[in-house]
């Protein structure tokens, strides 16, 4: 090494070479994501009633897990990284649950007459 590019012997000692994934794995994950996108579009044309949203979210969650697990290399990271991801998803689930509780409980509150979304606006 030249003097301008000399590094301390301990500069990268704590970091391994990292995990190198084969290109075939990335192509497989990409194709799986494309197939799942097609399944999402196909599911949008099928009338599942109240389950349309649940099916779309299930497919989207699976696609997001593929991206996080493989493209973001969480599969090959330490337990601390996985714990950080799990903690973030846990708190996201709590916030989504609170939002859904608020959204579903809005019909329980009676609206005074003439104040609902279908009421007319009268100018004086």
N, C-alpha and C. Protein backbone atom coordinates (compact mmCIF):
# COMPACT_ATOMS: atom_id res chain seq x y z
N UNK A 1 0.84 -1.19 0.00
CA UNK A 1 0.00 0.00 0.00
C UNK A 1 0.87 1.23 0.00
N UNK A 2 0.39 2.24 -0.66
CA UNK A 2 1.14 3.49 -0.66
C UNK A 2 0.90 4.22 0.64
N UNK A 3 1.72 5.20 0.91
CA UNK A 3 1.61 5.95 2.16
C UNK A 3 0.30 6.71 2.25
N UNK A 4 -0.26 7.15 1.11
CA UNK A 4 -1.51 7.90 1.12
C UNK A 4 -2.72 7.02 1.43
N UNK A 5 -2.59 5.70 1.23
CA UNK A 5 -3.73 4.81 1.44
C UNK A 5 -3.51 3.87 2.61
N UNK A 6 -2.57 4.17 3.43
CA UNK A 6 -2.29 3.30 4.56
C UNK A 6 -3.42 3.39 5.57
N UNK A 7 -3.81 2.25 6.13
CA UNK A 7 -4.86 2.21 7.14
C UNK A 7 -4.28 1.59 8.39
N UNK A 8 -4.87 1.96 9.49
CA UNK A 8 -4.48 1.36 10.75
C UNK A 8 -4.86 -0.11 10.72
N UNK A 9 -4.09 -0.99 11.33
CA UNK A 9 -4.39 -2.41 11.27
C UNK A 9 -5.74 -2.76 11.91
N UNK A 10 -6.24 -1.93 12.80
CA UNK A 10 -7.49 -2.22 13.48
C UNK A 10 -8.68 -1.51 12.84
N UNK A 11 -8.51 -0.86 11.71
CA UNK A 11 -9.57 -0.04 11.12
C UNK A 11 -10.82 -0.87 10.78
N UNK A 12 -10.66 -2.03 10.24
CA UNK A 12 -11.81 -2.85 9.87
C UNK A 12 -11.76 -4.22 10.52
N UNK A 13 -11.07 -4.33 11.62
CA UNK A 13 -10.92 -5.63 12.27
C UNK A 13 -12.25 -6.14 12.83
N UNK A 14 -13.14 -5.23 13.27
CA UNK A 14 -14.39 -5.68 13.87
C UNK A 14 -15.44 -6.03 12.82
N UNK A 15 -15.23 -5.63 11.59
CA UNK A 15 -16.20 -5.91 10.54
C UNK A 15 -15.71 -7.08 9.70
N UNK A 16 -16.61 -8.04 9.50
CA UNK A 16 -16.28 -9.16 8.64
C UNK A 16 -16.41 -8.73 7.19
N UNK A 17 -16.21 -9.67 6.32
CA UNK A 17 -16.33 -9.38 4.90
C UNK A 17 -17.78 -9.15 4.51
N UNK A 18 -18.71 -9.55 5.39
CA UNK A 18 -20.12 -9.40 5.08
C UNK A 18 -20.62 -10.60 4.32
N UNK A 19 -21.91 -10.68 4.21
CA UNK A 19 -22.50 -11.80 3.49
C UNK A 19 -22.70 -11.41 2.03
N UNK A 20 -22.25 -12.25 1.16
CA UNK A 20 -22.42 -12.00 -0.28
C UNK A 20 -23.46 -12.98 -0.79
N UNK A 21 -24.58 -12.44 -1.26
CA UNK A 21 -25.67 -13.26 -1.75
C UNK A 21 -25.50 -13.50 -3.24
N UNK A 22 -25.87 -14.68 -3.70
CA UNK A 22 -25.77 -14.95 -5.14
C UNK A 22 -26.81 -14.14 -5.93
N UNK A 23 -26.49 -13.82 -7.14
CA UNK A 23 -27.39 -13.05 -8.00
C UNK A 23 -28.68 -13.83 -8.25
N UNK A 24 -28.59 -15.14 -8.30
CA UNK A 24 -29.79 -15.96 -8.54
C UNK A 24 -30.83 -15.76 -7.43
N UNK A 25 -30.38 -15.52 -6.20
CA UNK A 25 -31.31 -15.28 -5.11
C UNK A 25 -32.06 -13.96 -5.34
N UNK A 26 -31.35 -12.93 -5.78
CA UNK A 26 -31.99 -11.64 -6.04
C UNK A 26 -32.99 -11.75 -7.19
N UNK A 27 -32.65 -12.51 -8.20
CA UNK A 27 -33.56 -12.70 -9.32
C UNK A 27 -34.81 -13.47 -8.87
N UNK A 28 -34.61 -14.48 -8.03
CA UNK A 28 -35.74 -15.25 -7.51
C UNK A 28 -36.66 -14.38 -6.68
N UNK A 29 -36.10 -13.55 -5.80
CA UNK A 29 -36.91 -12.66 -4.96
C UNK A 29 -37.62 -11.64 -5.84
N UNK A 30 -36.93 -11.11 -6.85
CA UNK A 30 -37.56 -10.15 -7.76
C UNK A 30 -38.74 -10.79 -8.48
N UNK A 31 -38.56 -12.00 -8.97
CA UNK A 31 -39.65 -12.69 -9.67
C UNK A 31 -40.81 -12.98 -8.71
N UNK A 32 -40.49 -13.34 -7.47
CA UNK A 32 -41.55 -13.57 -6.47
C UNK A 32 -42.32 -12.28 -6.21
N UNK A 33 -41.62 -11.16 -6.15
CA UNK A 33 -42.29 -9.87 -5.95
C UNK A 33 -43.17 -9.52 -7.14
N UNK A 34 -42.72 -9.83 -8.34
CA UNK A 34 -43.54 -9.55 -9.52
C UNK A 34 -44.79 -10.45 -9.56
N UNK A 35 -44.62 -11.71 -9.19
CA UNK A 35 -45.77 -12.61 -9.13
C UNK A 35 -46.76 -12.13 -8.07
N UNK A 36 -46.25 -11.74 -6.92
CA UNK A 36 -47.14 -11.25 -5.85
C UNK A 36 -47.82 -9.94 -6.25
N UNK A 37 -47.16 -9.12 -7.03
CA UNK A 37 -47.81 -7.91 -7.54
C UNK A 37 -48.96 -8.29 -8.47
N UNK A 38 -48.74 -9.28 -9.31
CA UNK A 38 -49.81 -9.77 -10.16
C UNK A 38 -50.96 -10.36 -9.36
N UNK A 39 -50.63 -11.08 -8.27
CA UNK A 39 -51.67 -11.62 -7.40
C UNK A 39 -52.46 -10.49 -6.74
N UNK A 40 -51.77 -9.43 -6.36
CA UNK A 40 -52.46 -8.28 -5.77
C UNK A 40 -53.43 -7.65 -6.76
N UNK A 41 -52.98 -7.47 -7.99
CA UNK A 41 -53.86 -6.91 -9.02
C UNK A 41 -55.03 -7.85 -9.29
N UNK A 42 -54.76 -9.14 -9.37
CA UNK A 42 -55.82 -10.11 -9.59
C UNK A 42 -56.82 -10.13 -8.44
N UNK A 43 -56.33 -10.02 -7.22
CA UNK A 43 -57.22 -10.01 -6.05
C UNK A 43 -58.10 -8.77 -6.03
N UNK A 44 -57.63 -7.68 -6.63
CA UNK A 44 -58.43 -6.46 -6.67
C UNK A 44 -59.67 -6.63 -7.54
N UNK A 45 -59.61 -7.54 -8.50
CA UNK A 45 -60.74 -7.78 -9.40
C UNK A 45 -61.72 -8.83 -8.86
N UNK A 46 -61.35 -9.50 -7.78
CA UNK A 46 -62.21 -10.51 -7.18
C UNK A 46 -62.95 -9.87 -6.02
N UNK A 47 -64.27 -10.02 -6.00
CA UNK A 47 -65.06 -9.43 -4.93
C UNK A 47 -65.06 -10.37 -3.73
N UNK A 48 -64.29 -10.01 -2.72
CA UNK A 48 -64.20 -10.79 -1.50
C UNK A 48 -64.97 -10.15 -0.36
N UNK A 49 -65.72 -9.12 -0.67
CA UNK A 49 -66.50 -8.44 0.35
C UNK A 49 -65.60 -7.70 1.33
N UNK A 50 -65.79 -7.96 2.59
CA UNK A 50 -65.02 -7.29 3.63
C UNK A 50 -63.57 -7.77 3.69
N UNK A 51 -63.26 -8.87 3.00
CA UNK A 51 -61.91 -9.42 3.07
C UNK A 51 -60.97 -8.86 2.01
N UNK A 52 -61.44 -8.01 1.11
CA UNK A 52 -60.57 -7.42 0.08
C UNK A 52 -59.37 -6.72 0.70
N UNK A 53 -59.64 -5.88 1.70
CA UNK A 53 -58.57 -5.13 2.34
C UNK A 53 -57.61 -6.07 3.07
N UNK A 54 -58.15 -7.06 3.76
CA UNK A 54 -57.30 -7.99 4.51
C UNK A 54 -56.39 -8.78 3.58
N UNK A 55 -56.92 -9.22 2.45
CA UNK A 55 -56.11 -9.99 1.49
C UNK A 55 -55.02 -9.09 0.89
N UNK A 56 -55.38 -7.86 0.54
CA UNK A 56 -54.38 -6.93 -0.02
C UNK A 56 -53.28 -6.64 0.99
N UNK A 57 -53.64 -6.46 2.26
CA UNK A 57 -52.63 -6.18 3.29
C UNK A 57 -51.77 -7.40 3.58
N UNK A 58 -52.35 -8.59 3.50
CA UNK A 58 -51.58 -9.81 3.71
C UNK A 58 -50.53 -9.97 2.61
N UNK A 59 -50.93 -9.74 1.38
CA UNK A 59 -49.98 -9.84 0.26
C UNK A 59 -48.92 -8.75 0.38
N UNK A 60 -49.33 -7.54 0.71
CA UNK A 60 -48.37 -6.43 0.85
C UNK A 60 -47.40 -6.71 2.00
N UNK A 61 -47.89 -7.27 3.08
CA UNK A 61 -47.00 -7.60 4.21
C UNK A 61 -45.98 -8.67 3.83
N UNK A 62 -46.42 -9.64 3.05
CA UNK A 62 -45.49 -10.68 2.61
C UNK A 62 -44.43 -10.10 1.68
N UNK A 63 -44.85 -9.21 0.77
CA UNK A 63 -43.88 -8.57 -0.13
C UNK A 63 -42.91 -7.70 0.67
N UNK A 64 -43.41 -6.97 1.65
CA UNK A 64 -42.53 -6.13 2.47
C UNK A 64 -41.54 -6.99 3.25
N UNK A 65 -41.99 -8.14 3.73
CA UNK A 65 -41.07 -9.01 4.47
C UNK A 65 -39.97 -9.56 3.57
N UNK A 66 -40.29 -9.86 2.31
CA UNK A 66 -39.26 -10.30 1.38
C UNK A 66 -38.22 -9.21 1.16
N UNK A 67 -38.69 -7.98 0.98
CA UNK A 67 -37.76 -6.87 0.76
C UNK A 67 -36.89 -6.65 1.99
N UNK A 68 -37.51 -6.64 3.16
CA UNK A 68 -36.74 -6.40 4.39
C UNK A 68 -35.77 -7.54 4.64
N UNK A 69 -36.24 -8.76 4.50
CA UNK A 69 -35.43 -9.93 4.85
C UNK A 69 -34.24 -10.12 3.92
N UNK A 70 -34.47 -9.96 2.62
CA UNK A 70 -33.40 -10.27 1.66
C UNK A 70 -32.70 -9.03 1.09
N UNK A 71 -33.47 -8.06 0.57
CA UNK A 71 -32.82 -6.91 -0.05
C UNK A 71 -32.15 -6.00 0.97
N UNK A 72 -32.70 -5.95 2.18
CA UNK A 72 -32.08 -5.13 3.23
C UNK A 72 -31.14 -5.96 4.10
N UNK A 73 -30.97 -7.23 3.76
CA UNK A 73 -30.01 -8.15 4.40
C UNK A 73 -30.25 -8.34 5.89
N UNK A 74 -31.48 -8.18 6.36
CA UNK A 74 -31.76 -8.40 7.78
C UNK A 74 -31.57 -9.87 8.13
N UNK A 75 -31.75 -10.75 7.19
CA UNK A 75 -31.58 -12.18 7.42
C UNK A 75 -30.17 -12.50 7.92
N UNK A 76 -29.20 -11.74 7.48
CA UNK A 76 -27.81 -12.04 7.80
C UNK A 76 -27.24 -11.12 8.87
N UNK A 77 -28.07 -10.31 9.50
CA UNK A 77 -27.60 -9.36 10.51
C UNK A 77 -27.64 -9.97 11.90
N UNK A 78 -27.18 -9.18 12.86
CA UNK A 78 -27.12 -9.65 14.24
C UNK A 78 -28.51 -9.69 14.86
N UNK A 79 -28.60 -10.27 16.03
CA UNK A 79 -29.87 -10.34 16.75
C UNK A 79 -30.36 -8.95 17.13
N UNK A 80 -29.44 -8.03 17.38
CA UNK A 80 -29.83 -6.67 17.76
C UNK A 80 -30.57 -5.98 16.61
N UNK A 81 -30.11 -6.19 15.40
CA UNK A 81 -30.81 -5.61 14.25
C UNK A 81 -32.20 -6.21 14.10
N UNK A 82 -32.31 -7.52 14.28
CA UNK A 82 -33.61 -8.17 14.20
C UNK A 82 -34.53 -7.72 15.33
N UNK A 83 -33.97 -7.52 16.52
CA UNK A 83 -34.76 -7.02 17.64
C UNK A 83 -35.24 -5.60 17.38
N UNK A 84 -34.40 -4.77 16.79
CA UNK A 84 -34.80 -3.41 16.45
C UNK A 84 -35.94 -3.42 15.44
N UNK A 85 -35.85 -4.27 14.45
CA UNK A 85 -36.92 -4.40 13.46
C UNK A 85 -38.21 -4.88 14.12
N UNK A 86 -38.10 -5.90 14.96
CA UNK A 86 -39.29 -6.44 15.63
C UNK A 86 -39.93 -5.40 16.54
N UNK A 87 -39.11 -4.63 17.24
CA UNK A 87 -39.64 -3.58 18.12
C UNK A 87 -40.38 -2.52 17.32
N UNK A 88 -39.82 -2.11 16.21
CA UNK A 88 -40.48 -1.13 15.35
C UNK A 88 -41.81 -1.65 14.83
N UNK A 89 -41.84 -2.90 14.40
CA UNK A 89 -43.08 -3.50 13.90
C UNK A 89 -44.10 -3.67 15.02
N UNK A 90 -43.64 -3.97 16.23
CA UNK A 90 -44.53 -4.10 17.37
C UNK A 90 -45.23 -2.77 17.67
N UNK A 91 -44.46 -1.69 17.71
CA UNK A 91 -45.06 -0.39 17.99
C UNK A 91 -45.92 0.09 16.83
N UNK A 92 -45.58 -0.27 15.61
CA UNK A 92 -46.43 0.04 14.47
C UNK A 92 -47.78 -0.68 14.61
N UNK A 93 -47.73 -1.93 15.05
CA UNK A 93 -48.97 -2.69 15.26
C UNK A 93 -49.82 -2.05 16.36
N UNK A 94 -49.19 -1.56 17.42
CA UNK A 94 -49.92 -0.88 18.48
C UNK A 94 -50.60 0.38 17.94
N UNK A 95 -49.86 1.19 17.18
CA UNK A 95 -50.44 2.41 16.63
C UNK A 95 -51.55 2.12 15.63
N UNK A 96 -51.36 1.11 14.80
CA UNK A 96 -52.42 0.74 13.85
C UNK A 96 -53.65 0.23 14.59
N UNK A 97 -53.44 -0.53 15.65
CA UNK A 97 -54.56 -1.01 16.45
C UNK A 97 -55.33 0.13 17.09
N UNK A 98 -54.61 1.11 17.62
CA UNK A 98 -55.27 2.27 18.21
C UNK A 98 -56.04 3.05 17.15
N UNK A 99 -55.47 3.17 15.97
CA UNK A 99 -56.16 3.87 14.89
C UNK A 99 -57.43 3.13 14.48
N UNK A 100 -57.34 1.81 14.39
CA UNK A 100 -58.52 1.03 14.01
C UNK A 100 -59.60 1.08 15.09
N UNK A 101 -59.21 1.11 16.36
CA UNK A 101 -60.19 1.25 17.44
C UNK A 101 -60.90 2.58 17.31
N UNK A 102 -60.16 3.64 17.04
CA UNK A 102 -60.77 4.96 16.87
C UNK A 102 -61.69 4.97 15.65
N UNK A 103 -61.24 4.40 14.56
CA UNK A 103 -62.01 4.42 13.32
C UNK A 103 -63.31 3.62 13.46
N UNK A 104 -63.23 2.45 14.07
CA UNK A 104 -64.42 1.61 14.19
C UNK A 104 -65.39 2.10 15.26
N UNK A 105 -64.93 2.91 16.19
CA UNK A 105 -65.83 3.39 17.25
C UNK A 105 -66.54 4.69 16.87
N UNK A 106 -66.30 5.23 15.72
CA UNK A 106 -66.93 6.50 15.33
C UNK A 106 -68.43 6.36 15.12
N UNK A 107 -68.91 5.20 14.77
CA UNK A 107 -70.34 5.00 14.60
C UNK A 107 -71.08 4.92 15.92
N UNK A 108 -70.36 4.74 17.02
CA UNK A 108 -70.99 4.64 18.33
C UNK A 108 -71.40 6.00 18.87
N UNK A 109 -70.79 7.06 18.39
CA UNK A 109 -71.09 8.40 18.88
C UNK A 109 -72.25 8.97 18.08
N UNK A 110 -73.38 9.26 18.76
CA UNK A 110 -74.50 9.83 18.01
C UNK A 110 -74.21 11.26 17.58
N UNK A 111 -74.61 11.56 16.35
CA UNK A 111 -74.41 12.90 15.81
C UNK A 111 -75.68 13.71 16.01
N UNK A 112 -75.56 14.96 16.42
CA UNK A 112 -76.76 15.81 16.52
C UNK A 112 -77.39 15.97 15.13
N UNK A 113 -78.70 16.15 15.07
CA UNK A 113 -79.36 16.30 13.77
C UNK A 113 -78.79 17.47 12.98
N UNK A 114 -78.60 17.25 11.69
CA UNK A 114 -78.12 18.30 10.81
C UNK A 114 -76.62 18.53 10.85
N UNK A 115 -75.85 17.64 11.51
CA UNK A 115 -74.39 17.84 11.58
C UNK A 115 -73.62 16.70 10.93
N UNK A 116 -74.31 15.74 10.35
CA UNK A 116 -73.64 14.60 9.74
C UNK A 116 -73.04 14.95 8.38
N UNK A 117 -72.38 14.01 7.77
CA UNK A 117 -71.73 14.27 6.48
C UNK A 117 -72.73 14.48 5.35
N UNK A 118 -73.97 14.02 5.54
CA UNK A 118 -74.98 14.20 4.48
C UNK A 118 -75.84 15.42 4.69
N UNK A 119 -75.56 16.20 5.70
CA UNK A 119 -76.41 17.37 5.97
C UNK A 119 -76.08 18.49 4.99
N UNK A 120 -77.07 19.34 4.77
CA UNK A 120 -76.91 20.48 3.85
C UNK A 120 -76.28 21.65 4.57
N UNK A 121 -75.49 22.39 3.83
CA UNK A 121 -74.91 23.61 4.39
C UNK A 121 -75.83 24.76 4.00
N UNK A 122 -76.29 25.45 5.01
CA UNK A 122 -77.21 26.56 4.76
C UNK A 122 -76.52 27.87 5.08
N UNK A 123 -76.50 28.74 4.11
CA UNK A 123 -75.93 30.07 4.31
C UNK A 123 -77.04 31.01 4.72
N UNK A 124 -76.76 31.85 5.70
CA UNK A 124 -77.78 32.80 6.17
C UNK A 124 -77.62 34.13 5.54
